[in-house]
C-alpha atoms as a PDB file:
ATOM      1  CA  UNK A   1      64.910 -76.286  -0.786  1.00  0.00           C
ATOM      2  CA  UNK A   2      61.202 -75.533  -0.336  1.00  0.00           C
ATOM      3  CA  UNK A   3      62.004 -71.849   0.126  1.00  0.00           C
ATOM      4  CA  UNK A   4      63.962 -71.844  -3.143  1.00  0.00           C
ATOM      5  CA  UNK A   5      61.002 -73.410  -5.029  1.00  0.00           C
ATOM      6  CA  UNK A   6      58.650 -70.769  -3.637  1.00  0.00           C
ATOM      7  CA  UNK A   7      61.031 -67.966  -4.686  1.00  0.00           C
ATOM      8  CA  UNK A   8      61.348 -69.367  -8.219  1.00  0.00           C
ATOM      9  CA  UNK A   9      57.590 -69.887  -8.495  1.00  0.00           C
ATOM     10  CA  UNK A  10      56.955 -66.351  -7.290  1.00  0.00           C
ATOM     11  CA  UNK A  11      59.428 -64.961  -9.846  1.00  0.00           C
ATOM     12  CA  UNK A  12      57.716 -66.915 -12.642  1.00  0.00           C
ATOM     13  CA  UNK A  13      54.280 -65.639 -11.594  1.00  0.00           C
ATOM     14  CA  UNK A  14      55.547 -62.030 -11.567  1.00  0.00           C
ATOM     15  CA  UNK A  15      57.116 -62.395 -15.026  1.00  0.00           C
ATOM     16  CA  UNK A  16      53.976 -63.993 -16.458  1.00  0.00           C
ATOM     17  CA  UNK A  17      51.748 -61.285 -15.024  1.00  0.00           C
ATOM     18  CA  UNK A  18      53.960 -58.563 -16.505  1.00  0.00           C
ATOM     19  CA  UNK A  19      54.045 -60.256 -19.893  1.00  0.00           C
ATOM     20  CA  UNK A  20      50.287 -60.813 -19.947  1.00  0.00           C
ATOM     21  CA  UNK A  21      49.503 -57.141 -19.275  1.00  0.00           C
ATOM     22  CA  UNK A  22      49.026 -55.357 -22.573  1.00  0.00           C
ATOM     23  CA  UNK A  23      50.032 -51.784 -22.997  1.00  0.00           C
ATOM     24  CA  UNK A  24      48.024 -49.253 -25.002  1.00  0.00           C
ATOM     25  CA  UNK A  25      50.097 -49.683 -28.172  1.00  0.00           C
ATOM     26  CA  UNK A  26      49.532 -53.453 -28.133  1.00  0.00           C
ATOM     27  CA  UNK A  27      45.794 -52.915 -27.639  1.00  0.00           C
ATOM     28  CA  UNK A  28      45.812 -50.387 -30.497  1.00  0.00           C
ATOM     29  CA  UNK A  29      47.458 -52.923 -32.821  1.00  0.00           C
ATOM     30  CA  UNK A  30      45.054 -55.661 -31.723  1.00  0.00           C
ATOM     31  CA  UNK A  31      42.060 -53.421 -32.341  1.00  0.00           C
ATOM     32  CA  UNK A  32      43.204 -52.510 -35.879  1.00  0.00           C
ATOM     33  CA  UNK A  33      43.642 -56.192 -36.751  1.00  0.00           C
ATOM     34  CA  UNK A  34      40.262 -57.077 -35.240  1.00  0.00           C
ATOM     35  CA  UNK A  35      38.536 -54.184 -37.007  1.00  0.00           C
ATOM     36  CA  UNK A  36      39.939 -55.108 -40.413  1.00  0.00           C
ATOM     37  CA  UNK A  37      39.278 -58.846 -40.071  1.00  0.00           C
ATOM     38  CA  UNK A  38      36.007 -58.946 -38.122  1.00  0.00           C
ATOM     39  CA  UNK A  39      34.207 -55.596 -38.061  1.00  0.00           C
ATOM     40  CA  UNK A  40      34.975 -54.253 -41.556  1.00  0.00           C
ATOM     41  CA  UNK A  41      33.642 -57.246 -43.538  1.00  0.00           C
ATOM     42  CA  UNK A  42      30.305 -57.101 -41.714  1.00  0.00           C
ATOM     43  CA  UNK A  43      30.030 -53.298 -41.606  1.00  0.00           C
ATOM     44  CA  UNK A  44      26.775 -52.463 -43.330  1.00  0.00           C
ATOM     45  CA  UNK A  45      24.921 -49.262 -43.887  1.00  0.00           C
ATOM     46  CA  UNK A  46      23.146 -47.207 -46.483  1.00  0.00           C
ATOM     47  CA  UNK A  47      25.590 -46.159 -49.211  1.00  0.00           C
ATOM     48  CA  UNK A  48      28.611 -47.704 -47.413  1.00  0.00           C
ATOM     49  CA  UNK A  49      30.903 -49.686 -49.711  1.00  0.00           C
ATOM     50  CA  UNK A  50      33.743 -50.507 -47.323  1.00  0.00           C
ATOM     51  CA  UNK A  51      35.786 -49.540 -44.308  1.00  0.00           C
ATOM     52  CA  UNK A  52      39.349 -49.967 -43.087  1.00  0.00           C
ATOM     53  CA  UNK A  53      41.389 -49.075 -40.022  1.00  0.00           C
ATOM     54  CA  UNK A  54      45.028 -48.090 -39.751  1.00  0.00           C
ATOM     55  CA  UNK A  55      47.002 -47.611 -36.547  1.00  0.00           C
ATOM     56  CA  UNK A  56      49.673 -45.015 -35.867  1.00  0.00           C
ATOM     57  CA  UNK A  57      51.621 -46.169 -32.806  1.00  0.00           C
ATOM     58  CA  UNK A  58      53.791 -43.075 -32.441  1.00  0.00           C
ATOM     59  CA  UNK A  59      50.781 -40.733 -32.531  1.00  0.00           C
ATOM     60  CA  UNK A  60      48.582 -43.033 -30.431  1.00  0.00           C
ATOM     61  CA  UNK A  61      45.805 -42.792 -33.000  1.00  0.00           C
ATOM     62  CA  UNK A  62      43.671 -44.979 -35.197  1.00  0.00           C
ATOM     63  CA  UNK A  63      42.413 -43.786 -38.557  1.00  0.00           C
ATOM     64  CA  UNK A  64      39.159 -45.294 -39.810  1.00  0.00           C
ATOM     65  CA  UNK A  65      38.002 -44.683 -43.352  1.00  0.00           C
ATOM     66  CA  UNK A  66      34.358 -45.360 -44.198  1.00  0.00           C
ATOM     67  CA  UNK A  67      33.948 -45.405 -47.970  1.00  0.00           C
ATOM     68  CA  UNK A  68      30.635 -44.715 -49.677  1.00  0.00           C
ATOM     69  CA  UNK A  69      29.106 -44.539 -53.131  1.00  0.00           C
ATOM     70  CA  UNK A  70      27.927 -40.964 -52.494  1.00  0.00           C
ATOM     71  CA  UNK A  71      28.721 -38.001 -54.711  1.00  0.00           C
ATOM     72  CA  UNK A  72      30.823 -35.193 -53.270  1.00  0.00           C
ATOM     73  CA  UNK A  73      28.479 -32.218 -53.128  1.00  0.00           C
ATOM     74  CA  UNK A  74      27.326 -29.631 -50.617  1.00  0.00           C
ATOM     75  CA  UNK A  75      24.010 -31.387 -49.969  1.00  0.00           C
ATOM     76  CA  UNK A  76      25.709 -34.666 -49.007  1.00  0.00           C
ATOM     77  CA  UNK A  77      28.313 -32.815 -46.944  1.00  0.00           C
ATOM     78  CA  UNK A  78      25.645 -31.080 -44.888  1.00  0.00           C
ATOM     79  CA  UNK A  79      23.494 -34.176 -44.502  1.00  0.00           C
ATOM     80  CA  UNK A  80      26.303 -36.482 -43.398  1.00  0.00           C
ATOM     81  CA  UNK A  81      28.062 -33.922 -41.225  1.00  0.00           C
ATOM     82  CA  UNK A  82      24.938 -34.061 -39.072  1.00  0.00           C
ATOM     83  CA  UNK A  83      24.289 -37.826 -39.364  1.00  0.00           C
ATOM     84  CA  UNK A  84      27.880 -39.044 -39.012  1.00  0.00           C
ATOM     85  CA  UNK A  85      28.216 -38.363 -35.254  1.00  0.00           C
ATOM     86  CA  UNK A  86      25.075 -40.460 -34.683  1.00  0.00           C
ATOM     87  CA  UNK A  87      26.664 -43.365 -36.563  1.00  0.00           C
ATOM     88  CA  UNK A  88      29.807 -43.028 -34.451  1.00  0.00           C
ATOM     89  CA  UNK A  89      27.830 -42.935 -31.204  1.00  0.00           C
ATOM     90  CA  UNK A  90      26.116 -46.135 -32.311  1.00  0.00           C
ATOM     91  CA  UNK A  91      29.497 -47.732 -33.108  1.00  0.00           C
ATOM     92  CA  UNK A  92      30.705 -46.838 -29.611  1.00  0.00           C
ATOM     93  CA  UNK A  93      27.614 -48.374 -28.042  1.00  0.00           C
ATOM     94  CA  UNK A  94      28.167 -51.561 -30.044  1.00  0.00           C
ATOM     95  CA  UNK A  95      31.845 -51.563 -28.955  1.00  0.00           C
ATOM     96  CA  UNK A  96      32.986 -51.244 -32.583  1.00  0.00           C
ATOM     97  CA  UNK A  97      34.889 -48.207 -31.308  1.00  0.00           C
ATOM     98  CA  UNK A  98      36.099 -49.213 -27.835  1.00  0.00           C
ATOM     99  CA  UNK A  99      35.651 -46.606 -25.106  1.00  0.00           C
ATOM    100  CA  UNK A 100      38.483 -48.178 -23.122  1.00  0.00           C
ATOM    101  CA  UNK A 101      41.051 -47.310 -25.790  1.00  0.00           C
ATOM    102  CA  UNK A 102      39.774 -43.742 -26.025  1.00  0.00           C
ATOM    103  CA  UNK A 103      39.941 -43.409 -22.242  1.00  0.00           C
ATOM    104  CA  UNK A 104      43.558 -44.652 -22.384  1.00  0.00           C
ATOM    105  CA  UNK A 105      44.407 -41.755 -24.688  1.00  0.00           C
ATOM    106  CA  UNK A 106      43.995 -43.246 -28.156  1.00  0.00           C
ATOM    107  CA  UNK A 107      42.270 -40.892 -30.578  1.00  0.00           C
ATOM    108  CA  UNK A 108      40.131 -42.116 -33.446  1.00  0.00           C
ATOM    109  CA  UNK A 109      40.246 -40.083 -36.661  1.00  0.00           C
ATOM    110  CA  UNK A 110      37.164 -41.244 -38.533  1.00  0.00           C
ATOM    111  CA  UNK A 111      36.540 -40.188 -42.128  1.00  0.00           C
ATOM    112  CA  UNK A 112      33.275 -40.550 -44.040  1.00  0.00           C
ATOM    113  CA  UNK A 113      34.337 -40.493 -47.690  1.00  0.00           C
ATOM    114  CA  UNK A 114      32.569 -39.830 -50.981  1.00  0.00           C
ATOM    115  CA  UNK A 115      33.070 -42.264 -53.845  1.00  0.00           C
ATOM    116  CA  UNK A 116      35.989 -40.179 -55.146  1.00  0.00           C
ATOM    117  CA  UNK A 117      37.687 -40.550 -51.698  1.00  0.00           C
ATOM    118  CA  UNK A 118      37.160 -36.913 -50.736  1.00  0.00           C
ATOM    119  CA  UNK A 119      35.986 -36.218 -47.190  1.00  0.00           C
ATOM    120  CA  UNK A 120      32.267 -35.702 -46.615  1.00  0.00           C
ATOM    121  CA  UNK A 121      32.679 -35.635 -42.855  1.00  0.00           C
ATOM    122  CA  UNK A 122      35.501 -36.105 -40.359  1.00  0.00           C
ATOM    123  CA  UNK A 123      35.344 -36.573 -36.600  1.00  0.00           C
ATOM    124  CA  UNK A 124      38.245 -36.925 -34.194  1.00  0.00           C
ATOM    125  CA  UNK A 125      37.145 -38.905 -31.164  1.00  0.00           C
ATOM    126  CA  UNK A 126      39.177 -38.318 -28.023  1.00  0.00           C
ATOM    127  CA  UNK A 127      38.135 -38.241 -24.362  1.00  0.00           C
ATOM    128  CA  UNK A 128      36.306 -34.925 -24.678  1.00  0.00           C
ATOM    129  CA  UNK A 129      34.549 -35.796 -27.945  1.00  0.00           C
ATOM    130  CA  UNK A 130      33.556 -39.183 -26.507  1.00  0.00           C
ATOM    131  CA  UNK A 131      31.616 -37.417 -23.759  1.00  0.00           C
ATOM    132  CA  UNK A 132      29.889 -35.198 -26.328  1.00  0.00           C
ATOM    133  CA  UNK A 133      28.966 -38.088 -28.637  1.00  0.00           C
ATOM    134  CA  UNK A 134      27.480 -40.119 -25.804  1.00  0.00           C
ATOM    135  CA  UNK A 135      25.750 -37.101 -24.248  1.00  0.00           C
ATOM    136  CA  UNK A 136      23.794 -36.391 -27.430  1.00  0.00           C
ATOM    137  CA  UNK A 137      22.068 -39.747 -27.274  1.00  0.00           C
END
């Protein structure tokens, strides 16, 4: 009888441990929800009007759009193409872009948009780009 209880208890512990382990796709979904409910509303910066995240489970990627009130012109494109990686490095340091997800193979496609929703700057953060962004600082 005691042996049977131990076997059942052991089986329950194994099942619970398997259920409690989250895979990358679950973490990706959790991050997108957290970003849109917690990070996005408090995301502040010069000229930034809003930000949203969208997850693509099949592609193992997260798309983040940072919207601004900036005009689409060559001057702004040049300026923010240089400044945008610094902003992303700062977001990684603040865990707004989690290194753990990137190291698990999730790529972040981050867009810095002009007020007409055209792209001023775009960075794809994967394992290699993560090293470069953090090396610069």
